[in-house]
Amino acid sequence: MAVQLDPQLLEILACPSDDHAPLTVGSPTDPEADVLTCTSCGRQFRVEDGIPVLLLDEAIEPPDGTADK
C-alpha cells in the first residue's frame, strides 16, 4: 500500500542528510512501497503507521551504495 501523507507535509519533509533534498513516495522499483526516497542520495526511509522515520541510522541505503555518509 502506498504511503498516504498530506501533500503539504510531503512538500516540507526533507532528507536528514547534509543536502536536505526532497523526498518522494515509494521506491524506484516499487512506487507502492511504504517508504519515502531521497531524490538526491537515494536513501529510503520507512513510514510506520503514517509516520515517516527520518533517521539516517535506520535508513535503507541505495543498492548501488552511493549514498553520502
PDB file of N, CA and C in Angstrom:
ATOM      1  N   MET A   1       0.838  -1.180   0.000  1.00  0.00           N
ATOM      2  CA  MET A   1       0.000   0.000   0.000  1.00  0.00           C
ATOM      3  C   MET A   1       0.883   1.244   0.000  1.00  0.00           C
ATOM      4  N   ALA A   2       0.565   2.192  -0.803  1.00  0.00           N
ATOM      5  CA  ALA A   2       1.368   3.406  -0.919  1.00  0.00           C
ATOM      6  C   ALA A   2       1.225   4.278   0.326  1.00  0.00           C
ATOM      7  N   VAL A   3       2.249   5.037   0.588  1.00  0.00           N
ATOM      8  CA  VAL A   3       2.255   5.969   1.708  1.00  0.00           C
ATOM      9  C   VAL A   3       1.189   7.037   1.463  1.00  0.00           C
ATOM     10  N   GLN A   4       0.393   7.313   2.481  1.00  0.00           N
ATOM     11  CA  GLN A   4      -0.626   8.357   2.399  1.00  0.00           C
ATOM     12  C   GLN A   4      -0.231   9.495   3.331  1.00  0.00           C
ATOM     13  N   LEU A   5       0.377  10.534   2.783  1.00  0.00           N
ATOM     14  CA  LEU A   5       0.755  11.698   3.575  1.00  0.00           C
ATOM     15  C   LEU A   5       0.080  12.930   2.997  1.00  0.00           C
ATOM     16  N   ASP A   6      -0.206  13.871   3.864  1.00  0.00           N
ATOM     17  CA  ASP A   6      -0.753  15.145   3.420  1.00  0.00           C
ATOM     18  C   ASP A   6       0.243  15.774   2.441  1.00  0.00           C
ATOM     19  N   PRO A   7      -0.198  16.209   1.279  1.00  0.00           N
ATOM     20  CA  PRO A   7       0.718  16.797   0.293  1.00  0.00           C
ATOM     21  C   PRO A   7       1.524  17.976   0.846  1.00  0.00           C
ATOM     22  N   GLN A   8       0.924  18.764   1.754  1.00  0.00           N
ATOM     23  CA  GLN A   8       1.654  19.889   2.343  1.00  0.00           C
ATOM     24  C   GLN A   8       2.784  19.397   3.241  1.00  0.00           C
ATOM     25  N   LEU A   9       2.555  18.301   3.962  1.00  0.00           N
ATOM     26  CA  LEU A   9       3.606  17.723   4.797  1.00  0.00           C
ATOM     27  C   LEU A   9       4.727  17.182   3.922  1.00  0.00           C
ATOM     28  N   LEU A  10       4.371  16.448   2.886  1.00  0.00           N
ATOM     29  CA  LEU A  10       5.375  15.885   1.986  1.00  0.00           C
ATOM     30  C   LEU A  10       6.227  16.987   1.357  1.00  0.00           C
ATOM     31  N   GLU A  11       5.611  18.124   1.096  1.00  0.00           N
ATOM     32  CA  GLU A  11       6.324  19.247   0.485  1.00  0.00           C
ATOM     33  C   GLU A  11       7.421  19.804   1.394  1.00  0.00           C
ATOM     34  N   ILE A  12       7.224  19.740   2.719  1.00  0.00           N
ATOM     35  CA  ILE A  12       8.225  20.305   3.625  1.00  0.00           C
ATOM     36  C   ILE A  12       9.201  19.266   4.181  1.00  0.00           C
ATOM     37  N   LEU A  13       8.886  17.978   4.043  1.00  0.00           N
ATOM     38  CA  LEU A  13       9.812  16.945   4.514  1.00  0.00           C
ATOM     39  C   LEU A  13      11.052  16.914   3.630  1.00  0.00           C
ATOM     40  N   ALA A  14      12.196  16.659   4.248  1.00  0.00           N
ATOM     41  CA  ALA A  14      13.452  16.589   3.506  1.00  0.00           C
ATOM     42  C   ALA A  14      14.339  15.512   4.106  1.00  0.00           C
ATOM     43  N   CYS A  15      15.262  15.032   3.308  1.00  0.00           N
ATOM     44  CA  CYS A  15      16.233  14.043   3.761  1.00  0.00           C
ATOM     45  C   CYS A  15      17.053  14.643   4.903  1.00  0.00           C
ATOM     46  N   PRO A  16      17.306  13.876   5.958  1.00  0.00           N
ATOM     47  CA  PRO A  16      18.100  14.397   7.067  1.00  0.00           C
ATOM     48  C   PRO A  16      19.605  14.454   6.786  1.00  0.00           C
ATOM     49  N   SER A  17      20.038  14.019   5.601  1.00  0.00           N
ATOM     50  CA  SER A  17      21.464  14.115   5.273  1.00  0.00           C
ATOM     51  C   SER A  17      21.828  15.578   5.022  1.00  0.00           C
ATOM     52  N   ASP A  18      23.093  15.848   4.813  1.00  0.00           N
ATOM     53  CA  ASP A  18      23.572  17.223   4.677  1.00  0.00           C
ATOM     54  C   ASP A  18      22.944  18.003   3.529  1.00  0.00           C
ATOM     55  N   ASP A  19      22.510  17.326   2.465  1.00  0.00           N
ATOM     56  CA  ASP A  19      21.963  18.071   1.323  1.00  0.00           C
ATOM     57  C   ASP A  19      20.487  18.439   1.483  1.00  0.00           C
ATOM     58  N   HIS A  20      19.774  17.813   2.411  1.00  0.00           N
ATOM     59  CA  HIS A  20      18.369  18.121   2.700  1.00  0.00           C
ATOM     60  C   HIS A  20      17.496  18.119   1.445  1.00  0.00           C
ATOM     61  N   ALA A  21      17.680  17.133   0.601  1.00  0.00           N
ATOM     62  CA  ALA A  21      16.920  17.030  -0.648  1.00  0.00           C
ATOM     63  C   ALA A  21      15.472  16.616  -0.369  1.00  0.00           C
ATOM     64  N   PRO A  22      14.577  16.915  -1.303  1.00  0.00           N
ATOM     65  CA  PRO A  22      13.180  16.499  -1.161  1.00  0.00           C
ATOM     66  C   PRO A  22      13.041  14.977  -1.165  1.00  0.00           C
ATOM     67  N   LEU A  23      11.919  14.509  -0.650  1.00  0.00           N
ATOM     68  CA  LEU A  23      11.610  13.081  -0.606  1.00  0.00           C
ATOM     69  C   LEU A  23      10.433  12.790  -1.531  1.00  0.00           C
ATOM     70  N   THR A  24      10.439  11.593  -2.104  1.00  0.00           N
ATOM     71  CA  THR A  24       9.318  11.150  -2.926  1.00  0.00           C
ATOM     72  C   THR A  24       8.717   9.893  -2.312  1.00  0.00           C
ATOM     73  N   VAL A  25       7.453   9.661  -2.596  1.00  0.00           N
ATOM     74  CA  VAL A  25       6.745   8.488  -2.072  1.00  0.00           C
ATOM     75  C   VAL A  25       7.144   7.253  -2.855  1.00  0.00           C
ATOM     76  N   GLY A  26       7.359   6.144  -2.133  1.00  0.00           N
ATOM     77  CA  GLY A  26       7.697   4.877  -2.771  1.00  0.00           C
ATOM     78  C   GLY A  26       9.177   4.766  -3.081  1.00  0.00           C
ATOM     79  N   SER A  27       9.522   3.662  -3.726  1.00  0.00           N
ATOM     80  CA  SER A  27      10.911   3.426  -4.120  1.00  0.00           C
ATOM     81  C   SER A  27      10.987   3.402  -5.637  1.00  0.00           C
ATOM     82  N   PRO A  28      12.193   3.499  -6.193  1.00  0.00           N
ATOM     83  CA  PRO A  28      12.318   3.464  -7.657  1.00  0.00           C
ATOM     84  C   PRO A  28      11.767   2.180  -8.274  1.00  0.00           C
ATOM     85  N   THR A  29      11.871   1.071  -7.552  1.00  0.00           N
ATOM     86  CA  THR A  29      11.390  -0.201  -8.095  1.00  0.00           C
ATOM     87  C   THR A  29       9.960  -0.533  -7.685  1.00  0.00           C
ATOM     88  N   ASP A  30       9.447   0.148  -6.646  1.00  0.00           N
ATOM     89  CA  ASP A  30       8.091  -0.117  -6.168  1.00  0.00           C
ATOM     90  C   ASP A  30       7.436   1.182  -5.696  1.00  0.00           C
ATOM     91  N   PRO A  31       6.710   1.863  -6.574  1.00  0.00           N
ATOM     92  CA  PRO A  31       6.082   3.126  -6.196  1.00  0.00           C
ATOM     93  C   PRO A  31       5.020   2.982  -5.103  1.00  0.00           C
ATOM     94  N   GLU A  32       4.615   1.753  -4.808  1.00  0.00           N
ATOM     95  CA  GLU A  32       3.620   1.500  -3.766  1.00  0.00           C
ATOM     96  C   GLU A  32       4.258   1.150  -2.420  1.00  0.00           C
ATOM     97  N   ALA A  33       5.587   1.124  -2.341  1.00  0.00           N
ATOM     98  CA  ALA A  33       6.282   0.759  -1.102  1.00  0.00           C
ATOM     99  C   ALA A  33       6.007   1.793  -0.013  1.00  0.00           C
ATOM    100  N   ASP A  34       5.988   1.339   1.234  1.00  0.00           N
ATOM    101  CA  ASP A  34       5.758   2.221   2.379  1.00  0.00           C
ATOM    102  C   ASP A  34       7.054   2.886   2.815  1.00  0.00           C
ATOM    103  N   VAL A  35       7.662   3.614   1.903  1.00  0.00           N
ATOM    104  CA  VAL A  35       8.903   4.328   2.177  1.00  0.00           C
ATOM    105  C   VAL A  35       8.860   5.690   1.498  1.00  0.00           C
ATOM    106  N   LEU A  36       9.720   6.575   1.978  1.00  0.00           N
ATOM    107  CA  LEU A  36       9.998   7.836   1.303  1.00  0.00           C
ATOM    108  C   LEU A  36      11.435   7.746   0.822  1.00  0.00           C
ATOM    109  N   THR A  37      11.691   8.156  -0.408  1.00  0.00           N
ATOM    110  CA  THR A  37      13.016   8.039  -1.002  1.00  0.00           C
ATOM    111  C   THR A  37      13.598   9.421  -1.261  1.00  0.00           C
ATOM    112  N   CYS A  38      14.856   9.608  -0.868  1.00  0.00           N
ATOM    113  CA  CYS A  38      15.550  10.871  -1.111  1.00  0.00           C
ATOM    114  C   CYS A  38      15.839  11.007  -2.604  1.00  0.00           C
ATOM    115  N   THR A  39      15.544  12.176  -3.151  1.00  0.00           N
ATOM    116  CA  THR A  39      15.764  12.413  -4.574  1.00  0.00           C
ATOM    117  C   THR A  39      17.231  12.637  -4.907  1.00  0.00           C
ATOM    118  N   SER A  40      18.067  12.818  -3.894  1.00  0.00           N
ATOM    119  CA  SER A  40      19.491  13.050  -4.132  1.00  0.00           C
ATOM    120  C   SER A  40      20.341  11.822  -3.810  1.00  0.00           C
ATOM    121  N   CYS A  41      20.309  11.366  -2.562  1.00  0.00           N
ATOM    122  CA  CYS A  41      21.200  10.275  -2.154  1.00  0.00           C
ATOM    123  C   CYS A  41      20.591   8.892  -2.368  1.00  0.00           C
ATOM    124  N   GLY A  42      19.274   8.804  -2.536  1.00  0.00           N
ATOM    125  CA  GLY A  42      18.626   7.519  -2.786  1.00  0.00           C
ATOM    126  C   GLY A  42      18.273   6.722  -1.546  1.00  0.00           C
ATOM    127  N   ARG A  43      18.605   7.242  -0.353  1.00  0.00           N
ATOM    128  CA  ARG A  43      18.224   6.522   0.863  1.00  0.00           C
ATOM    129  C   ARG A  43      16.704   6.432   0.945  1.00  0.00           C
ATOM    130  N   GLN A  44      16.246   5.333   1.558  1.00  0.00           N
ATOM    131  CA  GLN A  44      14.813   5.143   1.745  1.00  0.00           C
ATOM    132  C   GLN A  44      14.510   5.143   3.233  1.00  0.00           C
ATOM    133  N   PHE A  45      13.440   5.838   3.596  1.00  0.00           N
ATOM    134  CA  PHE A  45      13.019   5.961   4.982  1.00  0.00           C
ATOM    135  C   PHE A  45      11.637   5.338   5.121  1.00  0.00           C
ATOM    136  N   ARG A  46      11.510   4.374   6.032  1.00  0.00           N
ATOM    137  CA  ARG A  46      10.234   3.683   6.187  1.00  0.00           C
ATOM    138  C   ARG A  46       9.191   4.620   6.805  1.00  0.00           C
ATOM    139  N   VAL A  47       7.949   4.289   6.569  1.00  0.00           N
ATOM    140  CA  VAL A  47       6.821   5.015   7.143  1.00  0.00           C
ATOM    141  C   VAL A  47       6.032   4.006   7.963  1.00  0.00           C
ATOM    142  N   GLU A  48       5.946   4.256   9.269  1.00  0.00           N
ATOM    143  CA  GLU A  48       5.246   3.345  10.182  1.00  0.00           C
ATOM    144  C   GLU A  48       3.987   4.017  10.708  1.00  0.00           C
ATOM    145  N   ASP A  49       2.845   3.403  10.462  1.00  0.00           N
ATOM    146  CA  ASP A  49       1.557   3.940  10.917  1.00  0.00           C
ATOM    147  C   ASP A  49       1.377   5.397  10.494  1.00  0.00           C
ATOM    148  N   GLY A  50       1.820   5.717   9.281  1.00  0.00           N
ATOM    149  CA  GLY A  50       1.665   7.061   8.742  1.00  0.00           C
ATOM    150  C   GLY A  50       2.701   8.062   9.210  1.00  0.00           C
ATOM    151  N   ILE A  51       3.705   7.591   9.967  1.00  0.00           N
ATOM    152  CA  ILE A  51       4.733   8.490  10.495  1.00  0.00           C
ATOM    153  C   ILE A  51       6.070   8.177   9.836  1.00  0.00           C
ATOM    154  N   PRO A  52       6.652   9.133   9.102  1.00  0.00           N
ATOM    155  CA  PRO A  52       7.961   8.904   8.483  1.00  0.00           C
ATOM    156  C   PRO A  52       9.051   8.794   9.553  1.00  0.00           C
ATOM    157  N   VAL A  53       9.912   7.793   9.414  1.00  0.00           N
ATOM    158  CA  VAL A  53      11.038   7.597  10.326  1.00  0.00           C
ATOM    159  C   VAL A  53      12.276   8.142   9.608  1.00  0.00           C
ATOM    160  N   LEU A  54      12.571   9.419   9.845  1.00  0.00           N
ATOM    161  CA  LEU A  54      13.653  10.095   9.123  1.00  0.00           C
ATOM    162  C   LEU A  54      14.951  10.078   9.926  1.00  0.00           C
ATOM    163  N   LEU A  55      15.415   8.884  10.238  1.00  0.00           N
ATOM    164  CA  LEU A  55      16.664   8.694  10.976  1.00  0.00           C
ATOM    165  C   LEU A  55      17.692   8.078  10.038  1.00  0.00           C
ATOM    166  N   LEU A  56      18.840   8.732   9.889  1.00  0.00           N
ATOM    167  CA  LEU A  56      19.874   8.214   8.989  1.00  0.00           C
ATOM    168  C   LEU A  56      20.329   6.820   9.391  1.00  0.00           C
ATOM    169  N   ASP A  57      20.409   6.560  10.705  1.00  0.00           N
ATOM    170  CA  ASP A  57      20.856   5.246  11.178  1.00  0.00           C
ATOM    171  C   ASP A  57      19.895   4.124  10.796  1.00  0.00           C
ATOM    172  N   GLU A  58      18.647   4.460  10.527  1.00  0.00           N
ATOM    173  CA  GLU A  58      17.651   3.449  10.187  1.00  0.00           C
ATOM    174  C   GLU A  58      17.259   3.477   8.715  1.00  0.00           C
ATOM    175  N   ALA A  59      17.904   4.325   7.940  1.00  0.00           N
ATOM    176  CA  ALA A  59      17.591   4.429   6.514  1.00  0.00           C
ATOM    177  C   ALA A  59      18.083   3.198   5.761  1.00  0.00           C
ATOM    178  N   ILE A  60      17.397   2.885   4.681  1.00  0.00           N
ATOM    179  CA  ILE A  60      17.810   1.805   3.787  1.00  0.00           C
ATOM    180  C   ILE A  60      18.704   2.430   2.726  1.00  0.00           C
ATOM    181  N   GLU A  61      19.943   1.976   2.680  1.00  0.00           N
ATOM    182  CA  GLU A  61      20.894   2.527   1.712  1.00  0.00           C
ATOM    183  C   GLU A  61      20.509   2.107   0.298  1.00  0.00           C
ATOM    184  N   PRO A  62      20.818   2.944  -0.694  1.00  0.00           N
ATOM    185  CA  PRO A  62      20.529   2.547  -2.078  1.00  0.00           C
ATOM    186  C   PRO A  62      21.347   1.322  -2.460  1.00  0.00           C
ATOM    187  N   PRO A  63      20.826   0.486  -3.355  1.00  0.00           N
ATOM    188  CA  PRO A  63      21.509  -0.760  -3.713  1.00  0.00           C
ATOM    189  C   PRO A  63      22.904  -0.563  -4.288  1.00  0.00           C
ATOM    190  N   ASP A  64      23.150   0.563  -4.933  1.00  0.00           N
ATOM    191  CA  ASP A  64      24.477   0.777  -5.523  1.00  0.00           C
ATOM    192  C   ASP A  64      25.474   1.352  -4.526  1.00  0.00           C
ATOM    193  N   GLY A  65      25.012   1.630  -3.288  1.00  0.00           N
ATOM    194  CA  GLY A  65      25.905   2.110  -2.244  1.00  0.00           C
ATOM    195  C   GLY A  65      26.430   3.509  -2.460  1.00  0.00           C
ATOM    196  N   THR A  66      25.688   4.350  -3.184  1.00  0.00           N
ATOM    197  CA  THR A  66      26.186   5.685  -3.500  1.00  0.00           C
ATOM    198  C   THR A  66      25.767   6.750  -2.506  1.00  0.00           C
ATOM    199  N   ALA A  67      25.046   6.394  -1.471  1.00  0.00           N
ATOM    200  CA  ALA A  67      24.598   7.397  -0.505  1.00  0.00           C
ATOM    201  C   ALA A  67      25.791   8.041   0.181  1.00  0.00           C
ATOM    202  N   ASP A  68      25.703   9.361   0.364  1.00  0.00           N
ATOM    203  CA  ASP A  68      26.754  10.087   1.078  1.00  0.00           C
ATOM    204  C   ASP A  68      26.681   9.729   2.551  1.00  0.00           C
ATOM    205  N   LYS A  69      27.823   9.621   3.160  1.00  0.00           N
ATOM    206  CA  LYS A  69      27.865   9.300   4.592  1.00  0.00           C
ATOM    207  C   LYS A  69      27.887  10.563   5.410  1.00  0.00           C
TER     208      LYS A  69
END
